Amino acid sequence: MSDVPFEEIPSLLLRTIPESAEFIAEKYEMPAEAAVLTEDAPYHIQSVLAQCFMTPILMPQLESDTPDTELLQRCWDFVERLTEHSLESVRGAAYFEVLEQLLDADGLVEAAWPYMKERTRARTITMLDFYGVYLPGINRR
């Protein structure tokens, strides 16, 4: 899969996860469709991921007893695009604002695992090993 240009990452979030629109609009105090086109939006990628994706959308789905599996699939498709990006700043934002947040509560990595793609899984295993977190079926066989 080819890189999405850096300046188009906020638009990619909105296209892939339209559920993020209200949170993007709230953050930028303008319609989401206009906000993602501003010059500043790509440079706020970490706060956009935290405030418009991870906290309001992905975490509640991972914590839900009845998650929207189609939404989770789209979320992890988006994360995979970030994780495989050629820019370290984009990969780093995905690592710190998405993957590391899975360590905040028990069961999040396990809930996310079935939806993760190859590169995201590899980064997650590296992260778990680095922090000395061993999960049966993931990085402990």
N, C-alpha and C. Protein backbone atom coordinates (compact mmCIF):
# COMPACT_ATOMS: atom_id res chain seq x y z
N MET A 1 0.84 -1.17 0.00
CA MET A 1 0.00 0.00 0.00
C MET A 1 0.89 1.24 0.00
N SER A 2 0.55 2.23 -0.79
CA SER A 2 1.41 3.41 -0.89
C SER A 2 1.07 4.41 0.21
N ASP A 3 2.07 5.25 0.52
CA ASP A 3 1.89 6.28 1.52
C ASP A 3 0.81 7.26 1.11
N VAL A 4 0.01 7.64 2.06
CA VAL A 4 -0.87 8.79 1.86
C VAL A 4 0.01 10.00 2.14
N PRO A 5 -0.07 11.05 1.34
CA PRO A 5 0.75 12.23 1.63
C PRO A 5 0.48 12.74 3.05
N PHE A 6 1.54 13.21 3.70
CA PHE A 6 1.46 13.68 5.08
C PHE A 6 0.29 14.63 5.31
N GLU A 7 0.13 15.59 4.40
CA GLU A 7 -0.91 16.61 4.59
C GLU A 7 -2.33 16.04 4.44
N GLU A 8 -2.44 14.82 3.92
CA GLU A 8 -3.76 14.21 3.73
C GLU A 8 -4.15 13.22 4.83
N ILE A 9 -3.32 13.06 5.85
CA ILE A 9 -3.63 12.10 6.91
C ILE A 9 -4.92 12.46 7.66
N PRO A 10 -5.13 13.73 8.03
CA PRO A 10 -6.42 14.04 8.67
C PRO A 10 -7.63 13.74 7.77
N SER A 11 -7.48 14.00 6.47
CA SER A 11 -8.57 13.67 5.53
C SER A 11 -8.78 12.16 5.45
N LEU A 12 -7.69 11.40 5.50
CA LEU A 12 -7.79 9.94 5.50
C LEU A 12 -8.57 9.46 6.72
N LEU A 13 -8.29 10.05 7.88
CA LEU A 13 -9.04 9.70 9.08
C LEU A 13 -10.52 9.95 8.86
N LEU A 14 -10.87 11.11 8.38
CA LEU A 14 -12.28 11.46 8.17
C LEU A 14 -12.95 10.55 7.14
N ARG A 15 -12.24 10.23 6.06
CA ARG A 15 -12.81 9.34 5.03
C ARG A 15 -12.98 7.91 5.55
N THR A 16 -11.97 7.42 6.27
CA THR A 16 -11.99 6.05 6.74
C THR A 16 -12.92 5.87 7.93
N ILE A 17 -12.93 6.87 8.82
CA ILE A 17 -13.73 6.82 10.04
C ILE A 17 -14.61 8.07 10.07
N PRO A 18 -15.69 8.10 9.30
CA PRO A 18 -16.54 9.29 9.30
C PRO A 18 -17.14 9.60 10.68
N GLU A 19 -17.14 8.60 11.55
CA GLU A 19 -17.59 8.81 12.93
C GLU A 19 -16.72 9.83 13.67
N SER A 20 -15.54 10.12 13.14
CA SER A 20 -14.63 11.09 13.76
C SER A 20 -15.03 12.53 13.46
N ALA A 21 -15.97 12.75 12.56
CA ALA A 21 -16.32 14.11 12.11
C ALA A 21 -16.70 15.03 13.26
N GLU A 22 -17.55 14.58 14.16
CA GLU A 22 -17.98 15.48 15.25
C GLU A 22 -16.81 15.86 16.16
N PHE A 23 -15.87 14.96 16.35
CA PHE A 23 -14.73 15.24 17.23
C PHE A 23 -13.71 16.16 16.55
N ILE A 24 -13.55 15.99 15.25
CA ILE A 24 -12.67 16.88 14.48
C ILE A 24 -13.27 18.29 14.47
N ALA A 25 -14.58 18.37 14.21
CA ALA A 25 -15.26 19.67 14.19
C ALA A 25 -15.15 20.37 15.54
N GLU A 26 -15.29 19.61 16.61
CA GLU A 26 -15.18 20.18 17.95
C GLU A 26 -13.76 20.69 18.22
N LYS A 27 -12.76 19.90 17.84
CA LYS A 27 -11.37 20.29 18.07
C LYS A 27 -11.02 21.59 17.34
N TYR A 28 -11.45 21.71 16.09
CA TYR A 28 -11.06 22.85 15.26
C TYR A 28 -12.11 23.95 15.19
N GLU A 29 -13.26 23.71 15.83
CA GLU A 29 -14.35 24.69 15.85
C GLU A 29 -14.76 25.11 14.44
N MET A 30 -14.86 24.14 13.57
CA MET A 30 -15.34 24.35 12.20
C MET A 30 -15.78 22.99 11.67
N PRO A 31 -16.52 22.96 10.58
CA PRO A 31 -16.92 21.66 10.02
C PRO A 31 -15.69 20.78 9.75
N ALA A 32 -15.84 19.50 10.04
CA ALA A 32 -14.72 18.56 9.90
C ALA A 32 -14.15 18.56 8.50
N GLU A 33 -15.02 18.66 7.50
CA GLU A 33 -14.56 18.62 6.11
C GLU A 33 -13.62 19.78 5.80
N ALA A 34 -13.83 20.93 6.44
CA ALA A 34 -12.94 22.08 6.27
C ALA A 34 -11.71 21.95 7.18
N ALA A 35 -11.92 21.45 8.38
CA ALA A 35 -10.83 21.36 9.36
C ALA A 35 -9.69 20.48 8.86
N VAL A 36 -10.02 19.36 8.23
CA VAL A 36 -8.96 18.44 7.80
C VAL A 36 -8.14 19.00 6.64
N LEU A 37 -8.63 20.06 6.03
CA LEU A 37 -7.91 20.69 4.91
C LEU A 37 -7.05 21.86 5.34
N THR A 38 -7.13 22.24 6.62
CA THR A 38 -6.31 23.36 7.09
C THR A 38 -4.84 22.95 7.09
N GLU A 39 -3.98 23.95 6.97
CA GLU A 39 -2.53 23.70 6.97
C GLU A 39 -2.06 23.06 8.27
N ASP A 40 -2.70 23.43 9.38
CA ASP A 40 -2.24 22.97 10.70
C ASP A 40 -2.62 21.53 11.01
N ALA A 41 -3.70 21.04 10.46
CA ALA A 41 -4.22 19.72 10.85
C ALA A 41 -3.17 18.60 10.80
N PRO A 42 -2.39 18.48 9.74
CA PRO A 42 -1.41 17.39 9.73
C PRO A 42 -0.34 17.52 10.83
N TYR A 43 -0.04 18.74 11.21
CA TYR A 43 0.99 18.96 12.22
C TYR A 43 0.47 18.70 13.64
N HIS A 44 -0.82 18.48 13.74
CA HIS A 44 -1.44 18.14 15.02
C HIS A 44 -1.81 16.66 15.06
N ILE A 45 -1.12 15.85 14.30
CA ILE A 45 -1.51 14.45 14.14
C ILE A 45 -1.64 13.72 15.48
N GLN A 46 -0.75 13.98 16.42
CA GLN A 46 -0.84 13.29 17.71
C GLN A 46 -2.11 13.68 18.46
N SER A 47 -2.41 14.96 18.53
CA SER A 47 -3.62 15.37 19.24
C SER A 47 -4.87 14.98 18.47
N VAL A 48 -4.81 14.98 17.15
CA VAL A 48 -5.96 14.52 16.35
C VAL A 48 -6.22 13.05 16.64
N LEU A 49 -5.17 12.24 16.66
CA LEU A 49 -5.35 10.81 16.96
C LEU A 49 -5.91 10.61 18.36
N ALA A 50 -5.40 11.35 19.33
CA ALA A 50 -5.85 11.19 20.71
C ALA A 50 -7.29 11.68 20.90
N GLN A 51 -7.58 12.89 20.44
CA GLN A 51 -8.85 13.55 20.73
C GLN A 51 -9.98 13.21 19.77
N CYS A 52 -9.64 12.81 18.56
CA CYS A 52 -10.67 12.61 17.54
C CYS A 52 -10.81 11.16 17.11
N PHE A 53 -9.92 10.30 17.57
CA PHE A 53 -9.94 8.90 17.15
C PHE A 53 -9.85 7.95 18.33
N MET A 54 -8.75 7.99 19.03
CA MET A 54 -8.49 6.99 20.07
C MET A 54 -9.47 7.08 21.24
N THR A 55 -9.54 8.24 21.87
CA THR A 55 -10.38 8.40 23.06
C THR A 55 -11.88 8.28 22.76
N PRO A 56 -12.39 8.97 21.73
CA PRO A 56 -13.85 8.91 21.55
C PRO A 56 -14.36 7.72 20.72
N ILE A 57 -13.49 7.10 19.92
CA ILE A 57 -13.99 6.07 19.00
C ILE A 57 -13.39 4.70 19.29
N LEU A 58 -12.08 4.58 19.16
CA LEU A 58 -11.46 3.25 19.25
C LEU A 58 -11.54 2.65 20.65
N MET A 59 -11.16 3.41 21.68
CA MET A 59 -11.18 2.86 23.04
C MET A 59 -12.57 2.38 23.45
N PRO A 60 -13.62 3.18 23.25
CA PRO A 60 -14.94 2.69 23.64
C PRO A 60 -15.35 1.41 22.91
N GLN A 61 -14.95 1.29 21.66
CA GLN A 61 -15.26 0.07 20.91
C GLN A 61 -14.51 -1.13 21.49
N LEU A 62 -13.25 -0.93 21.83
CA LEU A 62 -12.46 -2.03 22.39
C LEU A 62 -12.95 -2.43 23.77
N GLU A 63 -13.53 -1.50 24.50
CA GLU A 63 -14.03 -1.77 25.85
C GLU A 63 -15.48 -2.27 25.85
N SER A 64 -16.14 -2.22 24.72
CA SER A 64 -17.55 -2.57 24.63
C SER A 64 -17.77 -4.09 24.64
N ASP A 65 -18.87 -4.48 25.25
CA ASP A 65 -19.27 -5.90 25.20
C ASP A 65 -19.84 -6.26 23.84
N THR A 66 -20.32 -5.26 23.10
CA THR A 66 -20.89 -5.48 21.77
C THR A 66 -20.30 -4.46 20.80
N PRO A 67 -19.01 -4.62 20.47
CA PRO A 67 -18.37 -3.64 19.58
C PRO A 67 -18.92 -3.73 18.15
N ASP A 68 -18.78 -2.63 17.46
CA ASP A 68 -19.12 -2.56 16.04
C ASP A 68 -17.92 -3.11 15.27
N THR A 69 -18.00 -4.34 14.85
CA THR A 69 -16.84 -5.00 14.23
C THR A 69 -16.45 -4.35 12.91
N GLU A 70 -17.40 -3.82 12.18
CA GLU A 70 -17.09 -3.15 10.91
C GLU A 70 -16.32 -1.87 11.20
N LEU A 71 -16.71 -1.14 12.23
CA LEU A 71 -15.99 0.08 12.62
C LEU A 71 -14.58 -0.28 13.10
N LEU A 72 -14.45 -1.32 13.90
CA LEU A 72 -13.13 -1.74 14.36
C LEU A 72 -12.23 -2.13 13.18
N GLN A 73 -12.79 -2.78 12.19
CA GLN A 73 -12.00 -3.15 11.01
C GLN A 73 -11.48 -1.90 10.31
N ARG A 74 -12.35 -0.89 10.16
CA ARG A 74 -11.93 0.36 9.52
C ARG A 74 -10.90 1.09 10.38
N CYS A 75 -11.07 1.07 11.69
CA CYS A 75 -10.11 1.71 12.59
C CYS A 75 -8.72 1.11 12.41
N TRP A 76 -8.65 -0.21 12.39
CA TRP A 76 -7.34 -0.85 12.30
C TRP A 76 -6.78 -0.78 10.89
N ASP A 77 -7.63 -0.65 9.87
CA ASP A 77 -7.13 -0.38 8.52
C ASP A 77 -6.43 0.98 8.50
N PHE A 78 -7.04 1.96 9.16
CA PHE A 78 -6.44 3.30 9.26
C PHE A 78 -5.12 3.25 10.02
N VAL A 79 -5.10 2.57 11.15
CA VAL A 79 -3.87 2.47 11.95
C VAL A 79 -2.76 1.79 11.14
N GLU A 80 -3.11 0.77 10.39
CA GLU A 80 -2.11 0.08 9.57
C GLU A 80 -1.50 1.04 8.56
N ARG A 81 -2.32 1.91 7.95
CA ARG A 81 -1.78 2.89 7.00
C ARG A 81 -0.76 3.80 7.68
N LEU A 82 -1.04 4.17 8.93
CA LEU A 82 -0.10 5.03 9.67
C LEU A 82 1.15 4.26 10.06
N THR A 83 0.97 3.03 10.49
CA THR A 83 2.08 2.19 10.96
C THR A 83 3.07 1.87 9.84
N GLU A 84 2.59 1.80 8.61
CA GLU A 84 3.47 1.49 7.49
C GLU A 84 3.94 2.73 6.73
N HIS A 85 3.63 3.91 7.25
CA HIS A 85 3.99 5.16 6.57
C HIS A 85 5.51 5.34 6.55
N SER A 86 6.01 6.00 5.53
CA SER A 86 7.46 6.19 5.39
C SER A 86 8.01 7.24 6.36
N LEU A 87 7.17 8.13 6.86
CA LEU A 87 7.65 9.16 7.80
C LEU A 87 7.62 8.65 9.23
N GLU A 88 8.75 8.78 9.91
CA GLU A 88 8.84 8.35 11.30
C GLU A 88 7.85 9.11 12.18
N SER A 89 7.61 10.38 11.88
CA SER A 89 6.68 11.16 12.70
C SER A 89 5.27 10.58 12.66
N VAL A 90 4.88 10.05 11.52
CA VAL A 90 3.55 9.43 11.38
C VAL A 90 3.53 8.09 12.10
N ARG A 91 4.56 7.28 11.88
CA ARG A 91 4.63 5.98 12.57
C ARG A 91 4.69 6.18 14.08
N GLY A 92 5.46 7.18 14.51
CA GLY A 92 5.58 7.47 15.94
C GLY A 92 4.27 7.91 16.55
N ALA A 93 3.51 8.72 15.83
CA ALA A 93 2.20 9.15 16.32
C ALA A 93 1.29 7.95 16.51
N ALA A 94 1.30 7.03 15.56
CA ALA A 94 0.48 5.82 15.69
C ALA A 94 0.93 4.99 16.88
N TYR A 95 2.21 4.89 17.07
CA TYR A 95 2.76 4.10 18.18
C TYR A 95 2.36 4.71 19.52
N PHE A 96 2.63 5.99 19.71
CA PHE A 96 2.40 6.62 21.01
C PHE A 96 0.93 6.92 21.29
N GLU A 97 0.18 7.31 20.28
CA GLU A 97 -1.21 7.71 20.52
C GLU A 97 -2.21 6.58 20.34
N VAL A 98 -1.80 5.49 19.72
CA VAL A 98 -2.73 4.36 19.54
C VAL A 98 -2.20 3.13 20.27
N LEU A 99 -1.07 2.59 19.82
CA LEU A 99 -0.61 1.32 20.36
C LEU A 99 -0.29 1.38 21.85
N GLU A 100 0.46 2.38 22.28
CA GLU A 100 0.80 2.46 23.71
C GLU A 100 -0.44 2.63 24.58
N GLN A 101 -1.46 3.25 24.07
CA GLN A 101 -2.68 3.46 24.85
C GLN A 101 -3.40 2.14 25.15
N LEU A 102 -3.09 1.12 24.37
CA LEU A 102 -3.70 -0.19 24.62
C LEU A 102 -3.20 -0.81 25.92
N LEU A 103 -2.10 -0.28 26.45
CA LEU A 103 -1.56 -0.78 27.71
C LEU A 103 -2.26 -0.17 28.92
N ASP A 104 -3.15 0.80 28.69
CA ASP A 104 -3.80 1.50 29.79
C ASP A 104 -4.79 0.66 30.59
N ALA A 105 -5.31 -0.38 30.01
CA ALA A 105 -6.28 -1.21 30.72
C ALA A 105 -6.15 -2.66 30.25
N ASP A 106 -6.42 -3.56 31.16
CA ASP A 106 -6.36 -4.99 30.82
C ASP A 106 -7.36 -5.32 29.72
N GLY A 107 -6.91 -6.16 28.81
CA GLY A 107 -7.79 -6.69 27.79
C GLY A 107 -7.87 -5.90 26.51
N LEU A 108 -7.26 -4.71 26.45
CA LEU A 108 -7.36 -3.90 25.23
C LEU A 108 -6.57 -4.49 24.08
N VAL A 109 -5.36 -4.94 24.36
CA VAL A 109 -4.55 -5.54 23.28
C VAL A 109 -5.27 -6.77 22.74
N GLU A 110 -5.79 -7.58 23.65
CA GLU A 110 -6.48 -8.81 23.24
C GLU A 110 -7.74 -8.48 22.43
N ALA A 111 -8.46 -7.42 22.80
CA ALA A 111 -9.66 -7.02 22.06
C ALA A 111 -9.30 -6.49 20.67
N ALA A 112 -8.16 -5.81 20.57
CA ALA A 112 -7.74 -5.23 19.30
C ALA A 112 -7.09 -6.24 18.36
N TRP A 113 -6.43 -7.24 18.92
CA TRP A 113 -5.61 -8.17 18.15
C TRP A 113 -6.30 -8.76 16.92
N PRO A 114 -7.53 -9.23 17.01
CA PRO A 114 -8.15 -9.84 15.81
C PRO A 114 -8.32 -8.87 14.64
N TYR A 115 -8.33 -7.59 14.92
CA TYR A 115 -8.56 -6.59 13.87
C TYR A 115 -7.27 -6.00 13.32
N MET A 116 -6.17 -6.17 14.03
CA MET A 116 -4.89 -5.61 13.60
C MET A 116 -4.38 -6.31 12.35
N LYS A 117 -3.67 -5.53 11.56
CA LYS A 117 -3.03 -6.05 10.36
C LYS A 117 -1.57 -6.41 10.69
N GLU A 118 -0.87 -6.94 9.71
CA GLU A 118 0.48 -7.49 9.90
C GLU A 118 1.47 -6.51 10.52
N ARG A 119 1.61 -5.33 9.96
CA ARG A 119 2.61 -4.38 10.46
C ARG A 119 2.25 -3.88 11.85
N THR A 120 0.97 -3.65 12.08
CA THR A 120 0.53 -3.19 13.40
C THR A 120 0.75 -4.26 14.44
N ARG A 121 0.50 -5.51 14.08
CA ARG A 121 0.76 -6.61 15.01
C ARG A 121 2.24 -6.69 15.36
N ALA A 122 3.10 -6.55 14.35
CA ALA A 122 4.54 -6.62 14.60
C ALA A 122 4.98 -5.49 15.54
N ARG A 123 4.48 -4.27 15.31
CA ARG A 123 4.83 -3.15 16.19
C ARG A 123 4.29 -3.38 17.60
N THR A 124 3.12 -3.98 17.69
CA THR A 124 2.53 -4.25 19.01
C THR A 124 3.35 -5.27 19.78
N ILE A 125 3.79 -6.31 19.10
CA ILE A 125 4.62 -7.32 19.76
C ILE A 125 5.94 -6.70 20.24
N THR A 126 6.55 -5.87 19.41
CA THR A 126 7.78 -5.18 19.80
C THR A 126 7.54 -4.33 21.04
N MET A 127 6.42 -3.61 21.06
CA MET A 127 6.08 -2.76 22.20
C MET A 127 5.87 -3.60 23.46
N LEU A 128 5.11 -4.67 23.35
CA LEU A 128 4.85 -5.54 24.50
C LEU A 128 6.15 -6.10 25.06
N ASP A 129 7.00 -6.59 24.17
CA ASP A 129 8.29 -7.14 24.60
C ASP A 129 9.14 -6.07 25.28
N PHE A 130 9.16 -4.86 24.72
CA PHE A 130 9.93 -3.76 25.30
C PHE A 130 9.49 -3.46 26.72
N TYR A 131 8.18 -3.47 26.95
CA TYR A 131 7.64 -3.16 28.28
C TYR A 131 7.56 -4.39 29.19
N GLY A 132 7.95 -5.55 28.69
CA GLY A 132 7.91 -6.75 29.51
C GLY A 132 6.49 -7.23 29.79
N VAL A 133 5.60 -6.96 28.86
CA VAL A 133 4.21 -7.41 28.98
C VAL A 133 4.06 -8.64 28.11
N TYR A 134 3.66 -9.73 28.71
CA TYR A 134 3.52 -10.99 27.96
C TYR A 134 2.07 -11.44 28.01
N LEU A 135 1.49 -11.63 26.85
CA LEU A 135 0.10 -12.00 26.72
C LEU A 135 -0.03 -13.33 25.99
N PRO A 136 -0.68 -14.30 26.60
CA PRO A 136 -0.87 -15.59 25.95
C PRO A 136 -1.53 -15.43 24.59
N GLY A 137 -1.00 -16.15 23.62
CA GLY A 137 -1.57 -16.12 22.27
C GLY A 137 -1.12 -14.94 21.43
N ILE A 138 -0.41 -13.99 22.04
CA ILE A 138 0.06 -12.81 21.29
C ILE A 138 1.58 -12.82 21.23
N ASN A 139 2.23 -12.66 22.37
CA ASN A 139 3.71 -12.70 22.38
C ASN A 139 4.24 -13.73 23.37
N ARG A 140 3.36 -14.54 23.90
CA ARG A 140 3.75 -15.67 24.75
C ARG A 140 2.99 -16.88 24.26
N ARG A 141 3.72 -17.82 23.78
CA ARG A 141 3.09 -19.02 23.21
C ARG A 141 2.95 -20.09 24.26
